[in-house]
Amino acid sequence: MVLVEHKKTNKWLAEQLGKDPATISKWCTNSSQPSVETLMQIAKCLDVEVHDLLLPVDKVVGKLDDIGSRKDF
């Protein structure tokens, strides 16, 4: 979600972290979770707070709806 807001891709994040893009995909689909240390690295890469990466699912769905209705994408 935060990747979309920052117009970044899974591939970009994988390159920044030295991880496989498949790993990033698993994090984004919530089939696995990164360590706390990795969350801190992700937050730094995206210039956000760690808690911004930990939104409840209902908040994420609402934000996805908002993004989908925007004309700037």
PDB file of N, CA and C in Angstrom:
ATOM      1  N   MET A   1       0.815  -1.182   0.000  1.00  0.00           N
ATOM      2  CA  MET A   1       0.000   0.000   0.000  1.00  0.00           C
ATOM      3  C   MET A   1       0.868   1.259   0.000  1.00  0.00           C
ATOM      4  N   VAL A   2       1.812   1.292   0.920  1.00  0.00           N
ATOM      5  CA  VAL A   2       2.692   2.458   1.000  1.00  0.00           C
ATOM      6  C   VAL A   2       3.525   2.563  -0.278  1.00  0.00           C
ATOM      7  N   LEU A   3       3.859   1.427  -0.857  1.00  0.00           N
ATOM      8  CA  LEU A   3       4.603   1.451  -2.131  1.00  0.00           C
ATOM      9  C   LEU A   3       3.800   2.186  -3.196  1.00  0.00           C
ATOM     10  N   VAL A   4       2.529   1.897  -3.285  1.00  0.00           N
ATOM     11  CA  VAL A   4       1.666   2.532  -4.279  1.00  0.00           C
ATOM     12  C   VAL A   4       1.602   4.039  -4.030  1.00  0.00           C
ATOM     13  N   GLU A   5       1.435   4.406  -2.772  1.00  0.00           N
ATOM     14  CA  GLU A   5       1.359   5.832  -2.435  1.00  0.00           C
ATOM     15  C   GLU A   5       2.636   6.582  -2.822  1.00  0.00           C
ATOM     16  N   HIS A   6       3.766   5.892  -2.763  1.00  0.00           N
ATOM     17  CA  HIS A   6       5.047   6.517  -3.099  1.00  0.00           C
ATOM     18  C   HIS A   6       5.487   6.219  -4.533  1.00  0.00           C
ATOM     19  N   LYS A   7       4.574   5.623  -5.305  1.00  0.00           N
ATOM     20  CA  LYS A   7       4.823   5.293  -6.715  1.00  0.00           C
ATOM     21  C   LYS A   7       6.106   4.484  -6.891  1.00  0.00           C
ATOM     22  N   LYS A   8       6.254   3.485  -6.005  1.00  0.00           N
ATOM     23  CA  LYS A   8       7.391   2.575  -6.046  1.00  0.00           C
ATOM     24  C   LYS A   8       6.873   1.165  -6.316  1.00  0.00           C
ATOM     25  N   THR A   9       7.749   0.335  -6.854  1.00  0.00           N
ATOM     26  CA  THR A   9       7.366  -1.039  -7.176  1.00  0.00           C
ATOM     27  C   THR A   9       8.009  -2.029  -6.207  1.00  0.00           C
ATOM     28  N   ASN A  10       7.485  -3.260  -6.229  1.00  0.00           N
ATOM     29  CA  ASN A  10       8.096  -4.336  -5.452  1.00  0.00           C
ATOM     30  C   ASN A  10       9.548  -4.523  -5.880  1.00  0.00           C
ATOM     31  N   LYS A  11       9.780  -4.431  -7.179  1.00  0.00           N
ATOM     32  CA  LYS A  11      11.137  -4.609  -7.700  1.00  0.00           C
ATOM     33  C   LYS A  11      12.068  -3.536  -7.141  1.00  0.00           C
ATOM     34  N   TRP A  12      11.611  -2.294  -7.102  1.00  0.00           N
ATOM     35  CA  TRP A  12      12.420  -1.208  -6.565  1.00  0.00           C
ATOM     36  C   TRP A  12      12.781  -1.478  -5.108  1.00  0.00           C
ATOM     37  N   LEU A  13      11.781  -1.866  -4.307  1.00  0.00           N
ATOM     38  CA  LEU A  13      12.035  -2.127  -2.896  1.00  0.00           C
ATOM     39  C   LEU A  13      12.984  -3.303  -2.726  1.00  0.00           C
ATOM     40  N   ALA A  14      12.802  -4.335  -3.535  1.00  0.00           N
ATOM     41  CA  ALA A  14      13.701  -5.496  -3.474  1.00  0.00           C
ATOM     42  C   ALA A  14      15.141  -5.070  -3.739  1.00  0.00           C
ATOM     43  N   GLU A  15      15.339  -4.213  -4.721  1.00  0.00           N
ATOM     44  CA  GLU A  15      16.685  -3.724  -5.031  1.00  0.00           C
ATOM     45  C   GLU A  15      17.254  -2.906  -3.879  1.00  0.00           C
ATOM     46  N   GLN A  16      16.426  -2.071  -3.262  1.00  0.00           N
ATOM     47  CA  GLN A  16      16.891  -1.240  -2.148  1.00  0.00           C
ATOM     48  C   GLN A  16      17.328  -2.085  -0.947  1.00  0.00           C
ATOM     49  N   LEU A  17      16.606  -3.188  -0.729  1.00  0.00           N
ATOM     50  CA  LEU A  17      16.851  -4.012   0.452  1.00  0.00           C
ATOM     51  C   LEU A  17      17.763  -5.205   0.179  1.00  0.00           C
ATOM     52  N   GLY A  18      18.062  -5.456  -1.103  1.00  0.00           N
ATOM     53  CA  GLY A  18      18.855  -6.636  -1.440  1.00  0.00           C
ATOM     54  C   GLY A  18      18.083  -7.929  -1.226  1.00  0.00           C
ATOM     55  N   LYS A  19      16.798  -7.871  -1.489  1.00  0.00           N
ATOM     56  CA  LYS A  19      15.911  -9.036  -1.309  1.00  0.00           C
ATOM     57  C   LYS A  19      15.370  -9.481  -2.656  1.00  0.00           C
ATOM     58  N   ASP A  20      14.864 -10.695  -2.696  1.00  0.00           N
ATOM     59  CA  ASP A  20      14.216 -11.223  -3.891  1.00  0.00           C
ATOM     60  C   ASP A  20      12.850 -10.548  -4.047  1.00  0.00           C
ATOM     61  N   PRO A  21      12.478 -10.151  -5.269  1.00  0.00           N
ATOM     62  CA  PRO A  21      11.149  -9.549  -5.460  1.00  0.00           C
ATOM     63  C   PRO A  21      10.007 -10.443  -4.981  1.00  0.00           C
ATOM     64  N   ALA A  22      10.187 -11.754  -5.034  1.00  0.00           N
ATOM     65  CA  ALA A  22       9.143 -12.670  -4.555  1.00  0.00           C
ATOM     66  C   ALA A  22       8.919 -12.503  -3.055  1.00  0.00           C
ATOM     67  N   THR A  23       9.980 -12.196  -2.327  1.00  0.00           N
ATOM     68  CA  THR A  23       9.863 -11.955  -0.890  1.00  0.00           C
ATOM     69  C   THR A  23       9.031 -10.708  -0.632  1.00  0.00           C
ATOM     70  N   ILE A  24       9.290  -9.668  -1.384  1.00  0.00           N
ATOM     71  CA  ILE A  24       8.526  -8.421  -1.236  1.00  0.00           C
ATOM     72  C   ILE A  24       7.057  -8.687  -1.542  1.00  0.00           C
ATOM     73  N   SER A  25       6.801  -9.461  -2.577  1.00  0.00           N
ATOM     74  CA  SER A  25       5.432  -9.800  -2.948  1.00  0.00           C
ATOM     75  C   SER A  25       4.721 -10.526  -1.804  1.00  0.00           C
ATOM     76  N   LYS A  26       5.409 -11.431  -1.144  1.00  0.00           N
ATOM     77  CA  LYS A  26       4.812 -12.150  -0.009  1.00  0.00           C
ATOM     78  C   LYS A  26       4.471 -11.193   1.125  1.00  0.00           C
ATOM     79  N   TRP A  27       5.324 -10.204   1.355  1.00  0.00           N
ATOM     80  CA  TRP A  27       5.034  -9.220   2.396  1.00  0.00           C
ATOM     81  C   TRP A  27       3.813  -8.407   2.007  1.00  0.00           C
ATOM     82  N   CYS A  28       3.740  -8.010   0.742  1.00  0.00           N
ATOM     83  CA  CYS A  28       2.636  -7.161   0.274  1.00  0.00           C
ATOM     84  C   CYS A  28       1.300  -7.881   0.285  1.00  0.00           C
ATOM     85  N   THR A  29       1.324  -9.192   0.114  1.00  0.00           N
ATOM     86  CA  THR A  29       0.084  -9.971   0.139  1.00  0.00           C
ATOM     87  C   THR A  29      -0.183 -10.556   1.518  1.00  0.00           C
ATOM     88  N   ASN A  30       0.698 -10.235   2.468  1.00  0.00           N
ATOM     89  CA  ASN A  30       0.564 -10.685   3.850  1.00  0.00           C
ATOM     90  C   ASN A  30       0.632 -12.206   3.996  1.00  0.00           C
ATOM     91  N   SER A  31       1.317 -12.880   3.057  1.00  0.00           N
ATOM     92  CA  SER A  31       1.516 -14.318   3.229  1.00  0.00           C
ATOM     93  C   SER A  31       2.750 -14.594   4.085  1.00  0.00           C
ATOM     94  N   SER A  32       3.583 -13.590   4.291  1.00  0.00           N
ATOM     95  CA  SER A  32       4.661 -13.625   5.281  1.00  0.00           C
ATOM     96  C   SER A  32       4.948 -12.191   5.694  1.00  0.00           C
ATOM     97  N   GLN A  33       5.705 -12.037   6.768  1.00  0.00           N
ATOM     98  CA  GLN A  33       5.975 -10.702   7.281  1.00  0.00           C
ATOM     99  C   GLN A  33       7.480 -10.495   7.429  1.00  0.00           C
ATOM    100  N   PRO A  34       7.938  -9.278   7.184  1.00  0.00           N
ATOM    101  CA  PRO A  34       9.348  -8.972   7.389  1.00  0.00           C
ATOM    102  C   PRO A  34       9.653  -8.851   8.885  1.00  0.00           C
ATOM    103  N   SER A  35      10.915  -8.964   9.218  1.00  0.00           N
ATOM    104  CA  SER A  35      11.338  -8.768  10.609  1.00  0.00           C
ATOM    105  C   SER A  35      11.180  -7.296  10.984  1.00  0.00           C
ATOM    106  N   VAL A  36      11.258  -7.018  12.262  1.00  0.00           N
ATOM    107  CA  VAL A  36      11.177  -5.634  12.735  1.00  0.00           C
ATOM    108  C   VAL A  36      12.333  -4.823  12.144  1.00  0.00           C
ATOM    109  N   GLU A  37      13.513  -5.423  12.086  1.00  0.00           N
ATOM    110  CA  GLU A  37      14.665  -4.732  11.513  1.00  0.00           C
ATOM    111  C   GLU A  37      14.421  -4.369  10.051  1.00  0.00           C
ATOM    112  N   THR A  38      13.819  -5.302   9.321  1.00  0.00           N
ATOM    113  CA  THR A  38      13.527  -5.045   7.910  1.00  0.00           C
ATOM    114  C   THR A  38      12.443  -3.994   7.766  1.00  0.00           C
ATOM    115  N   LEU A  39      11.448  -4.020   8.642  1.00  0.00           N
ATOM    116  CA  LEU A  39      10.419  -2.972   8.621  1.00  0.00           C
ATOM    117  C   LEU A  39      11.057  -1.600   8.798  1.00  0.00           C
ATOM    118  N   MET A  40      12.046  -1.520   9.660  1.00  0.00           N
ATOM    119  CA  MET A  40      12.742  -0.252   9.873  1.00  0.00           C
ATOM    120  C   MET A  40      13.480   0.180   8.611  1.00  0.00           C
ATOM    121  N   GLN A  41      14.088  -0.783   7.907  1.00  0.00           N
ATOM    122  CA  GLN A  41      14.769  -0.472   6.644  1.00  0.00           C
ATOM    123  C   GLN A  41      13.772  -0.007   5.581  1.00  0.00           C
ATOM    124  N   ILE A  42      12.631  -0.676   5.509  1.00  0.00           N
ATOM    125  CA  ILE A  42      11.602  -0.307   4.542  1.00  0.00           C
ATOM    126  C   ILE A  42      11.123   1.119   4.822  1.00  0.00           C
ATOM    127  N   ALA A  43      10.856   1.403   6.087  1.00  0.00           N
ATOM    128  CA  ALA A  43      10.392   2.744   6.466  1.00  0.00           C
ATOM    129  C   ALA A  43      11.418   3.792   6.056  1.00  0.00           C
ATOM    130  N   LYS A  44      12.681   3.497   6.270  1.00  0.00           N
ATOM    131  CA  LYS A  44      13.729   4.449   5.897  1.00  0.00           C
ATOM    132  C   LYS A  44      13.766   4.657   4.384  1.00  0.00           C
ATOM    133  N   CYS A  45      13.667   3.573   3.618  1.00  0.00           N
ATOM    134  CA  CYS A  45      13.683   3.668   2.147  1.00  0.00           C
ATOM    135  C   CYS A  45      12.535   4.536   1.630  1.00  0.00           C
ATOM    136  N   LEU A  46      11.377   4.412   2.271  1.00  0.00           N
ATOM    137  CA  LEU A  46      10.177   5.115   1.818  1.00  0.00           C
ATOM    138  C   LEU A  46       9.956   6.442   2.540  1.00  0.00           C
ATOM    139  N   ASP A  47      10.841   6.761   3.479  1.00  0.00           N
ATOM    140  CA  ASP A  47      10.744   7.990   4.254  1.00  0.00           C
ATOM    141  C   ASP A  47       9.387   8.097   4.953  1.00  0.00           C
ATOM    142  N   VAL A  48       9.018   7.003   5.641  1.00  0.00           N
ATOM    143  CA  VAL A  48       7.784   6.957   6.430  1.00  0.00           C
ATOM    144  C   VAL A  48       8.124   6.403   7.812  1.00  0.00           C
ATOM    145  N   GLU A  49       7.172   6.469   8.704  1.00  0.00           N
ATOM    146  CA  GLU A  49       7.321   5.863  10.024  1.00  0.00           C
ATOM    147  C   GLU A  49       6.947   4.381   9.930  1.00  0.00           C
ATOM    148  N   VAL A  50       7.534   3.564  10.798  1.00  0.00           N
ATOM    149  CA  VAL A  50       7.232   2.124  10.791  1.00  0.00           C
ATOM    150  C   VAL A  50       5.737   1.893  10.964  1.00  0.00           C
ATOM    151  N   HIS A  51       5.100   2.655  11.837  1.00  0.00           N
ATOM    152  CA  HIS A  51       3.656   2.438  12.068  1.00  0.00           C
ATOM    153  C   HIS A  51       2.844   2.679  10.799  1.00  0.00           C
ATOM    154  N   ASP A  52       3.351   3.463   9.863  1.00  0.00           N
ATOM    155  CA  ASP A  52       2.650   3.661   8.586  1.00  0.00           C
ATOM    156  C   ASP A  52       2.593   2.384   7.770  1.00  0.00           C
ATOM    157  N   LEU A  53       3.502   1.469   8.052  1.00  0.00           N
ATOM    158  CA  LEU A  53       3.541   0.189   7.336  1.00  0.00           C
ATOM    159  C   LEU A  53       2.651  -0.854   7.988  1.00  0.00           C
ATOM    160  N   LEU A  54       2.092  -0.534   9.145  1.00  0.00           N
ATOM    161  CA  LEU A  54       1.353  -1.507   9.944  1.00  0.00           C
ATOM    162  C   LEU A  54      -0.119  -1.153  10.089  1.00  0.00           C
ATOM    163  N   LEU A  55      -0.725  -0.637   9.050  1.00  0.00           N
ATOM    164  CA  LEU A  55      -2.133  -0.269   9.100  1.00  0.00           C
ATOM    165  C   LEU A  55      -3.027  -1.499   9.157  1.00  0.00           C
ATOM    166  N   PRO A  56      -4.139  -1.426   9.898  1.00  0.00           N
ATOM    167  CA  PRO A  56      -5.114  -2.522   9.886  1.00  0.00           C
ATOM    168  C   PRO A  56      -5.688  -2.705   8.482  1.00  0.00           C
ATOM    169  N   VAL A  57      -6.102  -3.900   8.172  1.00  0.00           N
ATOM    170  CA  VAL A  57      -6.603  -4.236   6.837  1.00  0.00           C
ATOM    171  C   VAL A  57      -7.729  -3.316   6.399  1.00  0.00           C
ATOM    172  N   ASP A  58      -8.685  -2.986   7.275  1.00  0.00           N
ATOM    173  CA  ASP A  58      -9.800  -2.132   6.867  1.00  0.00           C
ATOM    174  C   ASP A  58      -9.323  -0.743   6.452  1.00  0.00           C
ATOM    175  N   LYS A  59      -8.261  -0.261   7.046  1.00  0.00           N
ATOM    176  CA  LYS A  59      -7.704   1.042   6.648  1.00  0.00           C
ATOM    177  C   LYS A  59      -7.064   0.942   5.266  1.00  0.00           C
ATOM    178  N   VAL A  60      -6.389  -0.166   5.006  1.00  0.00           N
ATOM    179  CA  VAL A  60      -5.729  -0.356   3.716  1.00  0.00           C
ATOM    180  C   VAL A  60      -6.770  -0.432   2.612  1.00  0.00           C
ATOM    181  N   VAL A  61      -7.840  -1.178   2.824  1.00  0.00           N
ATOM    182  CA  VAL A  61      -8.880  -1.312   1.804  1.00  0.00           C
ATOM    183  C   VAL A  61      -9.487   0.052   1.501  1.00  0.00           C
ATOM    184  N   GLY A  62      -9.749   0.853   2.513  1.00  0.00           N
ATOM    185  CA  GLY A  62     -10.284   2.193   2.302  1.00  0.00           C
ATOM    186  C   GLY A  62      -9.336   3.054   1.498  1.00  0.00           C
ATOM    187  N   LYS A  63      -8.048   2.967   1.793  1.00  0.00           N
ATOM    188  CA  LYS A  63      -7.065   3.747   1.057  1.00  0.00           C
ATOM    189  C   LYS A  63      -6.964   3.262  -0.390  1.00  0.00           C
ATOM    190  N   LEU A  64      -7.071   1.962  -0.609  1.00  0.00           N
ATOM    191  CA  LEU A  64      -7.035   1.439  -1.976  1.00  0.00           C
ATOM    192  C   LEU A  64      -8.212   1.981  -2.767  1.00  0.00           C
ATOM    193  N   ASP A  65      -9.377   2.052  -2.140  1.00  0.00           N
ATOM    194  CA  ASP A  65     -10.546   2.610  -2.815  1.00  0.00           C
ATOM    195  C   ASP A  65     -10.299   4.071  -3.181  1.00  0.00           C
ATOM    196  N   ASP A  66      -9.700   4.830  -2.254  1.00  0.00           N
ATOM    197  CA  ASP A  66      -9.398   6.238  -2.519  1.00  0.00           C
ATOM    198  C   ASP A  66      -8.417   6.377  -3.677  1.00  0.00           C
ATOM    199  N   ILE A  67      -7.381   5.564  -3.685  1.00  0.00           N
ATOM    200  CA  ILE A  67      -6.372   5.634  -4.749  1.00  0.00           C
ATOM    201  C   ILE A  67      -6.994   5.252  -6.087  1.00  0.00           C
ATOM    202  N   GLY A  68      -7.844   4.241  -6.071  1.00  0.00           N
ATOM    203  CA  GLY A  68      -8.474   3.798  -7.316  1.00  0.00           C
ATOM    204  C   GLY A  68      -9.357   4.844  -7.942  1.00  0.00           C
ATOM    205  N   SER A  69      -9.877   5.754  -7.117  1.00  0.00           N
ATOM    206  CA  SER A  69     -10.757   6.794  -7.640  1.00  0.00           C
ATOM    207  C   SER A  69     -10.005   8.051  -8.058  1.00  0.00           C
ATOM    208  N   ARG A  70      -8.695   8.094  -7.799  1.00  0.00           N
ATOM    209  CA  ARG A  70      -7.908   9.271  -8.163  1.00  0.00           C
ATOM    210  C   ARG A  70      -7.578   9.265  -9.653  1.00  0.00           C
ATOM    211  N   LYS A  71      -7.456  10.440 -10.196  1.00  0.00           N
ATOM    212  CA  LYS A  71      -7.213  10.591 -11.634  1.00  0.00           C
ATOM    213  C   LYS A  71      -5.737  10.720 -11.982  1.00  0.00           C
ATOM    214  N   ASP A  72      -4.865  10.853 -10.964  1.00  0.00           N
ATOM    215  CA  ASP A  72      -3.446  11.115 -11.242  1.00  0.00           C
ATOM    216  C   ASP A  72      -2.613   9.863 -11.427  1.00  0.00           C
ATOM    217  N   PHE A  73      -3.230   8.703 -11.488  1.00  0.00           N
ATOM    218  CA  PHE A  73      -2.491   7.462 -11.719  1.00  0.00           C
ATOM    219  C   PHE A  73      -2.695   6.980 -13.122  1.00  0.00           C
TER     220      PHE A  73
END
